[in-house]
Amino acid sequence: MSTMIFFLVLLAAVTHAGWNFFAKKISGNLPTFWLGSMCIDLVLLPFTIVIIARNGFNFQGAAPILISAVFHCFYYITLFNSYKFGDISAAYPISRGTGVAVTALIAVFVLKDYVSGLGWAGIILIVSGILTVGLSNTMTKEDIKSCLFAFLTGLTIAGYSVADSRSAGFNHPVVSLNVMSITSLILVSPIAFRKGISRTVRENLDHLPYAPIIGLGSMGTYLIIMYAFSLSNHASYIVALRECSVIIASILGFIVLKEKPTPQKIIGIILITVGLVLIKLG
């Protein structure tokens, strides 16, 4: 892996952990995320239109894009509820770990893909880490709710990961991302703005400065990783390095948000991180 690719992937890990950190900082405020993401989508839309005008749109990729959008809709709901009720240092590792482990299991039992011994070891470590974090006897009812929503977030990650893998190659990545994101935001808008648009905006004026940061971090992470993939043949190393975002998000939670670094939480985070790397390398 070249130095440039290494730092690109590290940047993607930082931006992914970063936008999740700001999502937690605003206590899982879904309308703020919606506004930020839609702004970035509207910026990307002219590029999408130009690409489609030049290359056309392959409608064979439409179904997986729609399925991914549906899963992303539920992803937004569960993710932001996990941050509303609990710590990012618990919710983020659980959601990432569950997503990768379940995706691997789907690949084995549904798609009939091969998973190596390292992959199976990674799955076991992730499950162990999730149980270690999630079954702490010091957890409050709010923490339990957060962990449950984080687990559900992981299931939605697995769902859209499988859908995205089926849509790859049909259309330009920017087109697929832009169409999927706009569709998912439209689907989740009745929940994000259930109090009405004007009232929701008024109630969240203090959070609005974070909207573009969260939206840009979410979209930017995906585009950085796609660019890194285009420069390297070692995809497994790229996705493995990216998982250091779990450590980054947890450190931000401990240091900046003053979340309590309990021994069980630290052990669980380490198990999940090692498991993620093993799955990606396997």
Protein backbone atom coordinates (compact mmCIF):
# COMPACT_ATOMS: atom_id res chain seq x y z
CA MET A 1 0.00 0.00 0.00
CA SER A 2 1.47 3.34 -1.06
CA THR A 3 1.84 6.24 1.37
CA MET A 4 -0.82 8.23 -0.51
CA ILE A 5 -3.40 5.43 -0.29
CA PHE A 6 -2.55 4.86 3.38
CA PHE A 7 -3.25 8.48 4.26
CA LEU A 8 -6.39 8.56 2.07
CA VAL A 9 -7.86 5.60 3.94
CA LEU A 10 -6.77 7.06 7.28
CA LEU A 11 -8.51 10.30 6.28
CA ALA A 12 -11.66 8.33 5.47
CA ALA A 13 -11.52 6.68 8.90
CA VAL A 14 -11.17 10.10 10.54
CA THR A 15 -14.03 11.65 8.53
CA HIS A 16 -16.34 8.70 9.25
CA ALA A 17 -15.59 8.73 12.96
CA GLY A 18 -15.76 12.54 12.86
CA TRP A 19 -19.25 12.89 11.39
CA ASN A 20 -20.50 10.24 13.81
CA PHE A 21 -18.87 12.18 16.64
CA PHE A 22 -20.74 15.34 15.64
CA ALA A 23 -23.94 13.30 15.27
CA LYS A 24 -23.49 12.23 18.88
CA LYS A 25 -22.55 15.78 19.93
CA ILE A 26 -25.99 16.96 18.77
CA SER A 27 -27.57 13.99 20.58
CA GLY A 28 -28.63 12.11 17.47
CA ASN A 29 -30.53 14.98 15.87
CA LEU A 30 -31.96 13.47 12.66
CA PRO A 31 -33.29 16.72 11.08
CA THR A 32 -29.82 18.29 11.28
CA PHE A 33 -28.29 15.30 9.53
CA TRP A 34 -31.07 15.41 6.91
CA LEU A 35 -30.42 19.07 6.12
CA GLY A 36 -26.65 18.60 5.90
CA SER A 37 -26.87 15.51 3.72
CA MET A 38 -29.47 17.00 1.39
CA CYS A 39 -27.28 20.08 0.89
CA ILE A 40 -24.36 17.87 -0.17
CA ASP A 41 -26.68 15.82 -2.39
CA LEU A 42 -27.84 18.96 -4.17
CA VAL A 43 -24.20 19.94 -4.76
CA LEU A 44 -23.52 16.49 -6.27
CA LEU A 45 -26.70 16.48 -8.34
CA PRO A 46 -25.33 18.52 -11.31
CA PHE A 47 -22.38 16.10 -11.57
CA THR A 48 -24.82 13.18 -11.49
CA ILE A 49 -26.90 14.74 -14.28
CA VAL A 50 -23.80 15.32 -16.43
CA ILE A 51 -22.56 11.74 -15.90
CA ILE A 52 -25.98 10.31 -16.78
CA ALA A 53 -26.19 12.56 -19.87
CA ARG A 54 -22.83 11.22 -21.04
CA ASN A 55 -23.06 7.57 -20.02
CA GLY A 56 -26.77 6.96 -19.56
CA PHE A 57 -28.35 5.20 -16.59
CA ASN A 58 -28.36 1.40 -16.35
CA PHE A 59 -31.75 0.50 -14.89
CA GLN A 60 -30.46 -2.94 -13.92
CA GLY A 61 -28.88 -1.11 -11.00
CA ALA A 62 -32.11 0.64 -10.00
CA ALA A 63 -33.52 -2.15 -7.80
CA PRO A 64 -30.41 -2.54 -5.59
CA ILE A 65 -30.15 1.25 -5.30
CA LEU A 66 -33.77 1.41 -4.09
CA ILE A 67 -33.21 -1.47 -1.65
CA SER A 68 -30.10 0.28 -0.34
CA ALA A 69 -32.11 3.50 0.07
CA VAL A 70 -34.73 1.70 2.16
CA PHE A 71 -32.06 0.18 4.40
CA HIS A 72 -30.36 3.60 4.70
CA CYS A 73 -33.68 5.11 5.77
CA PHE A 74 -33.85 2.70 8.71
CA TYR A 75 -30.10 3.16 9.26
CA TYR A 76 -30.60 6.88 9.90
CA ILE A 77 -33.44 6.23 12.34
CA THR A 78 -31.63 3.55 14.36
CA LEU A 79 -28.20 5.23 14.29
CA PHE A 80 -29.43 8.57 15.57
CA ASN A 81 -31.55 6.92 18.24
CA SER A 82 -28.46 5.02 19.43
CA TYR A 83 -26.67 8.37 19.86
CA LYS A 84 -29.74 9.92 21.47
CA PHE A 85 -29.77 7.37 24.29
CA GLY A 86 -26.13 6.36 24.85
CA ASP A 87 -22.39 6.77 24.36
CA ILE A 88 -20.68 6.81 20.97
CA SER A 89 -17.88 4.72 22.51
CA ALA A 90 -20.38 1.86 22.84
CA ALA A 91 -22.87 2.51 20.02
CA TYR A 92 -20.33 3.05 17.24
CA PRO A 93 -18.30 -0.16 17.79
CA ILE A 94 -21.47 -2.23 18.18
CA SER A 95 -23.08 -0.89 15.01
CA ARG A 96 -19.89 -1.25 12.93
CA GLY A 97 -19.12 -4.69 14.34
CA THR A 98 -22.65 -6.02 13.87
CA GLY A 99 -22.79 -4.67 10.32
CA VAL A 100 -19.57 -6.33 9.21
CA ALA A 101 -20.22 -9.64 11.02
CA VAL A 102 -23.78 -10.00 9.71
CA THR A 103 -22.66 -9.06 6.19
CA ALA A 104 -20.06 -11.84 6.35
CA LEU A 105 -22.67 -14.34 7.56
CA ILE A 106 -25.03 -13.34 4.75
CA ALA A 107 -22.18 -13.82 2.29
CA VAL A 108 -21.63 -17.36 3.59
CA PHE A 109 -25.15 -18.67 4.10
CA VAL A 110 -27.13 -16.71 1.49
CA LEU A 111 -24.70 -15.71 -1.25
CA LYS A 112 -22.55 -18.85 -0.83
CA ASP A 113 -19.32 -16.87 -0.67
CA TYR A 114 -16.18 -18.24 0.97
CA VAL A 115 -15.01 -16.99 4.37
CA SER A 116 -11.53 -17.98 5.53
CA GLY A 117 -10.46 -19.12 8.95
CA LEU A 118 -9.37 -15.56 9.73
CA GLY A 119 -12.83 -14.38 8.74
CA TRP A 120 -14.53 -16.80 11.11
CA ALA A 121 -12.13 -15.82 13.90
CA GLY A 122 -13.04 -12.20 13.23
CA ILE A 123 -16.77 -12.95 13.45
CA ILE A 124 -16.28 -14.70 16.80
CA LEU A 125 -14.21 -11.81 18.16
CA ILE A 126 -16.79 -9.25 17.05
CA VAL A 127 -19.66 -11.17 18.68
CA SER A 128 -17.57 -11.50 21.85
CA GLY A 129 -16.80 -7.79 21.80
CA ILE A 130 -20.44 -6.83 21.29
CA LEU A 131 -21.50 -9.05 24.19
CA THR A 132 -18.72 -7.63 26.36
CA VAL A 133 -19.83 -4.04 25.70
CA GLY A 134 -23.55 -4.75 25.66
CA LEU A 135 -23.87 -6.95 28.74
CA SER A 136 -22.08 -4.73 31.24
CA ASN A 137 -23.77 -4.83 34.64
CA THR A 138 -23.21 -1.08 35.02
CA MET A 139 -25.46 -0.17 32.08
CA THR A 140 -28.53 1.98 32.61
CA LYS A 141 -31.84 1.57 30.78
CA GLU A 142 -30.76 4.35 28.43
CA ASP A 143 -27.52 2.50 27.67
CA ILE A 144 -29.45 -0.68 26.91
CA LYS A 145 -31.71 1.22 24.50
CA SER A 146 -28.65 2.68 22.81
CA CYS A 147 -27.00 -0.73 22.40
CA LEU A 148 -30.22 -2.18 21.00
CA PHE A 149 -30.51 0.61 18.44
CA ALA A 150 -26.80 0.20 17.63
CA PHE A 151 -27.35 -3.51 17.00
CA LEU A 152 -30.30 -2.70 14.73
CA THR A 153 -28.08 -0.15 12.98
CA GLY A 154 -25.62 -2.95 12.30
CA LEU A 155 -28.37 -5.01 10.68
CA THR A 156 -29.23 -2.11 8.38
CA ILE A 157 -25.52 -1.71 7.52
CA ALA A 158 -25.45 -5.36 6.51
CA GLY A 159 -28.58 -4.86 4.40
CA TYR A 160 -27.35 -1.86 2.45
CA SER A 161 -23.84 -3.36 2.13
CA VAL A 162 -25.25 -6.39 0.33
CA ALA A 163 -27.48 -4.16 -1.83
CA ASP A 164 -24.56 -1.85 -2.67
CA SER A 165 -22.42 -4.83 -3.68
CA ARG A 166 -25.14 -5.81 -6.16
CA SER A 167 -25.45 -2.30 -7.61
CA ALA A 168 -21.70 -1.85 -8.13
CA GLY A 169 -20.66 -1.77 -11.76
CA PHE A 170 -24.04 -0.82 -13.19
CA ASN A 171 -23.56 2.94 -12.84
CA HIS A 172 -20.90 5.48 -11.90
CA PRO A 173 -20.30 5.50 -8.10
CA VAL A 174 -21.29 9.18 -7.84
CA VAL A 175 -24.57 8.45 -9.64
CA SER A 176 -25.38 5.45 -7.44
CA LEU A 177 -24.48 7.32 -4.26
CA ASN A 178 -26.39 10.48 -5.18
CA VAL A 179 -29.56 8.71 -6.33
CA MET A 180 -29.53 6.38 -3.33
CA SER A 181 -28.92 9.18 -0.83
CA ILE A 182 -31.62 11.50 -2.17
CA THR A 183 -34.11 8.62 -2.24
CA SER A 184 -33.30 7.58 1.33
CA LEU A 185 -33.61 11.15 2.62
CA ILE A 186 -37.00 11.51 0.92
CA LEU A 187 -38.12 8.25 2.57
CA VAL A 188 -37.01 9.34 6.05
CA SER A 189 -38.28 12.94 5.77
CA PRO A 190 -41.74 12.22 7.31
CA ILE A 191 -39.97 11.12 10.50
CA ALA A 192 -37.26 13.79 10.44
CA PHE A 193 -39.85 16.56 9.99
CA ARG A 194 -42.85 15.05 11.75
CA LYS A 195 -43.34 18.34 13.66
CA GLY A 196 -43.38 20.33 10.43
CA ILE A 197 -40.45 21.85 8.56
CA SER A 198 -40.58 25.38 9.99
CA ARG A 199 -41.02 24.25 13.60
CA THR A 200 -38.29 21.62 13.27
CA VAL A 201 -35.83 24.16 11.85
CA ARG A 202 -36.66 26.68 14.61
CA GLU A 203 -36.14 24.06 17.30
CA ASN A 204 -32.77 23.06 15.88
CA LEU A 205 -31.18 26.43 15.04
CA ASP A 206 -28.34 25.76 17.51
CA HIS A 207 -27.49 22.52 15.69
CA LEU A 208 -27.56 23.87 12.15
CA PRO A 209 -23.81 24.78 12.05
CA TYR A 210 -23.10 21.06 12.39
CA ALA A 211 -25.31 20.10 9.44
CA PRO A 212 -22.77 20.69 6.63
CA ILE A 213 -19.99 19.04 8.67
CA ILE A 214 -22.07 15.89 9.16
CA GLY A 215 -23.34 15.84 5.57
CA LEU A 216 -19.89 16.41 4.07
CA GLY A 217 -18.31 13.83 6.37
CA SER A 218 -20.89 11.21 5.43
CA MET A 219 -20.60 11.73 1.66
CA GLY A 220 -16.90 12.53 1.69
CA THR A 221 -15.98 9.27 3.44
CA TYR A 222 -17.61 7.21 0.71
CA LEU A 223 -15.99 9.17 -2.11
CA ILE A 224 -12.53 9.02 -0.50
CA ILE A 225 -12.76 5.24 -0.13
CA MET A 226 -13.97 4.83 -3.71
CA TYR A 227 -11.01 6.90 -4.91
CA ALA A 228 -8.61 4.81 -2.81
CA PHE A 229 -10.06 1.64 -4.36
CA SER A 230 -9.41 3.06 -7.83
CA LEU A 231 -5.70 3.49 -6.97
CA SER A 232 -5.02 0.09 -5.44
CA ASN A 233 -5.50 -3.62 -6.08
CA HIS A 234 -5.34 -4.41 -2.36
CA ALA A 235 -8.96 -3.82 -1.39
CA SER A 236 -8.72 -6.01 1.73
CA TYR A 237 -5.96 -3.81 3.19
CA ILE A 238 -7.97 -0.67 2.49
CA VAL A 239 -11.14 -1.85 4.22
CA ALA A 240 -9.13 -3.29 7.12
CA LEU A 241 -7.27 -0.02 7.74
CA ARG A 242 -10.54 1.87 7.52
CA GLU A 243 -11.79 0.06 10.63
CA CYS A 244 -9.45 2.10 12.81
CA SER A 245 -12.41 4.50 12.79
CA VAL A 246 -13.78 2.43 15.69
CA ILE A 247 -10.77 3.37 17.80
CA ILE A 248 -10.92 7.02 16.68
CA ALA A 249 -14.63 7.36 17.50
CA SER A 250 -14.16 5.73 20.90
CA ILE A 251 -11.21 7.98 21.78
CA LEU A 252 -13.27 11.06 20.80
CA GLY A 253 -16.04 9.79 23.06
CA PHE A 254 -13.69 9.25 26.00
CA ILE A 255 -11.61 12.43 25.68
CA VAL A 256 -13.95 15.05 24.19
CA LEU A 257 -17.38 13.90 25.38
CA LYS A 258 -16.04 12.62 28.73
CA GLU A 259 -17.65 9.19 28.36
CA LYS A 260 -16.58 6.66 31.00
CA PRO A 261 -13.92 4.22 29.69
CA THR A 262 -14.96 1.16 31.68
CA PRO A 263 -12.73 -1.96 31.47
CA GLN A 264 -15.54 -3.95 29.79
CA LYS A 265 -16.05 -1.24 27.19
CA ILE A 266 -12.33 -1.02 26.39
CA ILE A 267 -11.97 -4.81 26.10
CA GLY A 268 -15.08 -4.97 23.91
CA ILE A 269 -13.81 -2.20 21.62
CA ILE A 270 -10.47 -3.98 21.21
CA LEU A 271 -12.16 -7.31 20.43
CA ILE A 272 -14.47 -5.69 17.87
CA THR A 273 -11.62 -3.78 16.21
CA VAL A 274 -9.38 -6.84 15.91
CA GLY A 275 -12.35 -8.87 14.64
CA LEU A 276 -13.13 -6.26 11.98
CA VAL A 277 -9.54 -6.29 10.74
CA LEU A 278 -9.42 -10.11 10.64
CA ILE A 279 -12.64 -10.29 8.60
CA LYS A 280 -11.38 -7.72 6.12
CA LEU A 281 -7.95 -9.37 5.81
CA GLY A 282 -9.46 -12.85 5.61
